[in-house]
Amino acid sequence: PETVLALKPEELRSAGLSQRKAEYIQTLAVNEKVWNIDWNGIDDEAAVARLCELRGVGVWTAEMFLIFHLQRPDILPLGDIGLLRAINISYNNAAPRSARFWSNPCRKPGGSTRKSRPAIVAGATASLT
């Protein structure tokens, strides 16, 4: 946080951030809700929910925080278009698959789909109903 706070908004903007994103980053750098939490004691879904309460933080940002800052490698960010494109390229799909497809790939007999969809796939088993 100290490194971010030492930068002027113009310096953050020169790194490619919009004015709004630069403000969000500096606000998060001083926000006690982020830095004074024992993140190891919070499961993935609760951590994402807690982070999303903060202004400027959405699900994608929260998942990136879990992956890169908290070093939780079992997060599958289904809202990451780059990841979805990479999966499509790897499996040679002619038509791109949406996040909706990847969050609900199982079909019940008879062609109906499951009603639950994983918000975060931790160990490939977590789902919200």
Protein backbone atom coordinates (compact mmCIF):
# COMPACT_ATOMS: atom_id res chain seq x y z
CA PRO A 1 0.00 0.00 0.00
CA GLU A 2 2.81 2.44 0.77
CA THR A 3 4.15 2.21 -2.79
CA VAL A 4 0.75 3.03 -4.28
CA LEU A 5 0.19 5.91 -1.87
CA ALA A 6 3.58 7.37 -2.76
CA LEU A 7 2.46 7.72 -6.39
CA LYS A 8 0.54 10.70 -7.69
CA PRO A 9 -2.68 10.02 -9.63
CA GLU A 10 -0.93 11.25 -12.78
CA GLU A 11 1.74 8.59 -12.34
CA LEU A 12 -0.90 5.88 -12.07
CA ARG A 13 -2.61 7.26 -15.17
CA SER A 14 0.68 7.14 -17.07
CA ALA A 15 0.71 3.39 -16.34
CA GLY A 16 -2.51 3.09 -18.34
CA LEU A 17 -5.11 3.46 -15.59
CA SER A 18 -8.15 5.66 -16.00
CA GLN A 19 -8.69 8.48 -13.53
CA ARG A 20 -11.42 6.43 -11.84
CA LYS A 21 -9.27 3.30 -11.53
CA ALA A 22 -6.39 5.34 -10.13
CA GLU A 23 -8.77 6.70 -7.48
CA TYR A 24 -10.03 3.20 -6.65
CA ILE A 25 -6.50 1.87 -6.25
CA GLN A 26 -5.43 4.67 -3.93
CA THR A 27 -8.63 4.30 -1.90
CA LEU A 28 -8.02 0.54 -1.56
CA ALA A 29 -4.44 1.16 -0.48
CA VAL A 30 -5.65 2.88 2.71
CA ASN A 31 -8.77 0.79 3.26
CA GLU A 32 -8.58 -1.18 6.50
CA LYS A 33 -11.18 -3.64 5.18
CA VAL A 34 -8.50 -4.99 2.86
CA TRP A 35 -5.29 -4.91 4.87
CA ASN A 36 -6.49 -5.63 8.43
CA ILE A 37 -8.16 -8.94 7.65
CA ASP A 38 -6.81 -12.43 8.28
CA TRP A 39 -7.52 -13.65 4.74
CA ASN A 40 -6.29 -17.15 5.58
CA GLY A 41 -9.31 -17.65 7.84
CA ILE A 42 -11.83 -16.75 5.11
CA ASP A 43 -12.96 -19.17 2.40
CA ASP A 44 -12.89 -18.11 -1.26
CA GLU A 45 -16.57 -17.26 -1.65
CA ALA A 46 -16.66 -15.20 1.55
CA ALA A 47 -13.46 -13.38 0.52
CA VAL A 48 -14.92 -12.47 -2.88
CA ALA A 49 -18.16 -11.30 -1.27
CA ARG A 50 -16.24 -9.17 1.23
CA LEU A 51 -14.02 -7.63 -1.42
CA CYS A 52 -16.99 -6.86 -3.67
CA GLU A 53 -18.40 -4.65 -0.91
CA LEU A 54 -15.58 -2.22 -1.64
CA ARG A 55 -16.10 0.58 -4.15
CA GLY A 56 -14.45 -0.25 -7.46
CA VAL A 57 -14.07 -3.98 -6.79
CA GLY A 58 -16.03 -6.52 -8.80
CA VAL A 59 -15.92 -10.30 -8.97
CA TRP A 60 -13.06 -10.38 -11.51
CA THR A 61 -10.91 -8.05 -9.40
CA ALA A 62 -11.66 -10.02 -6.24
CA GLU A 63 -10.74 -13.30 -7.95
CA MET A 64 -7.47 -11.79 -9.20
CA PHE A 65 -6.73 -10.66 -5.62
CA LEU A 66 -7.27 -14.23 -4.40
CA ILE A 67 -5.11 -15.73 -7.16
CA PHE A 68 -2.18 -13.32 -7.16
CA HIS A 69 -2.09 -11.70 -3.72
CA LEU A 70 -3.37 -14.54 -1.55
CA GLN A 71 -1.74 -17.22 -3.75
CA ARG A 72 -4.89 -19.33 -4.04
CA PRO A 73 -4.33 -21.33 -7.23
CA ASP A 74 -7.67 -23.15 -7.22
CA ILE A 75 -9.75 -20.16 -8.37
CA LEU A 76 -11.34 -20.42 -11.82
CA PRO A 77 -12.24 -16.86 -12.92
CA LEU A 78 -15.12 -17.60 -15.28
CA GLY A 79 -15.64 -13.90 -15.99
CA ASP A 80 -12.15 -13.58 -17.49
CA ILE A 81 -12.65 -13.31 -21.24
CA GLY A 82 -8.96 -14.00 -21.86
CA LEU A 83 -9.21 -17.30 -20.00
CA LEU A 84 -12.37 -18.26 -21.88
CA ARG A 85 -10.74 -17.47 -25.23
CA ALA A 86 -7.67 -19.52 -24.29
CA ILE A 87 -9.87 -22.49 -23.38
CA ASN A 88 -11.71 -22.16 -26.69
CA ILE A 89 -8.46 -22.01 -28.66
CA SER A 90 -7.02 -24.97 -26.76
CA TYR A 91 -10.04 -27.13 -27.47
CA ASN A 92 -10.48 -25.94 -31.09
CA ASN A 93 -14.06 -24.85 -30.61
CA ALA A 94 -15.50 -23.26 -33.73
CA ALA A 95 -17.86 -21.08 -31.71
CA PRO A 96 -16.66 -19.33 -28.56
CA ARG A 97 -18.18 -20.61 -25.35
CA SER A 98 -19.51 -18.09 -22.89
CA ALA A 99 -18.85 -17.89 -19.17
CA ARG A 100 -22.40 -19.18 -18.77
CA PHE A 101 -21.44 -22.38 -20.60
CA TRP A 102 -18.30 -22.94 -18.51
CA SER A 103 -20.12 -22.24 -15.26
CA ASN A 104 -22.79 -24.80 -16.13
CA PRO A 105 -21.22 -27.46 -18.38
CA CYS A 106 -23.22 -30.43 -17.01
CA ARG A 107 -26.57 -31.30 -18.45
CA LYS A 108 -29.13 -33.54 -16.85
CA PRO A 109 -30.66 -36.38 -18.89
CA GLY A 110 -33.33 -35.00 -21.18
CA GLY A 111 -31.30 -31.91 -22.05
CA SER A 112 -32.18 -29.70 -19.09
CA THR A 113 -29.41 -27.79 -17.37
CA ARG A 114 -28.58 -27.59 -13.70
CA LYS A 115 -30.05 -24.63 -11.84
CA SER A 116 -26.96 -23.96 -9.69
CA ARG A 117 -23.89 -22.22 -11.05
CA PRO A 118 -20.49 -21.98 -9.42
CA ALA A 119 -19.45 -18.44 -8.55
CA ILE A 120 -15.94 -19.62 -7.80
CA VAL A 121 -14.78 -23.12 -8.54
CA ALA A 122 -12.51 -24.09 -5.68
CA GLY A 123 -11.39 -27.65 -6.08
CA ALA A 124 -14.04 -27.92 -8.84
CA THR A 125 -16.84 -28.50 -6.34
CA ALA A 126 -18.09 -25.15 -4.96
CA SER A 127 -21.47 -23.98 -6.22
CA LEU A 128 -24.16 -21.56 -5.18
CA THR A 129 -27.81 -22.52 -5.43
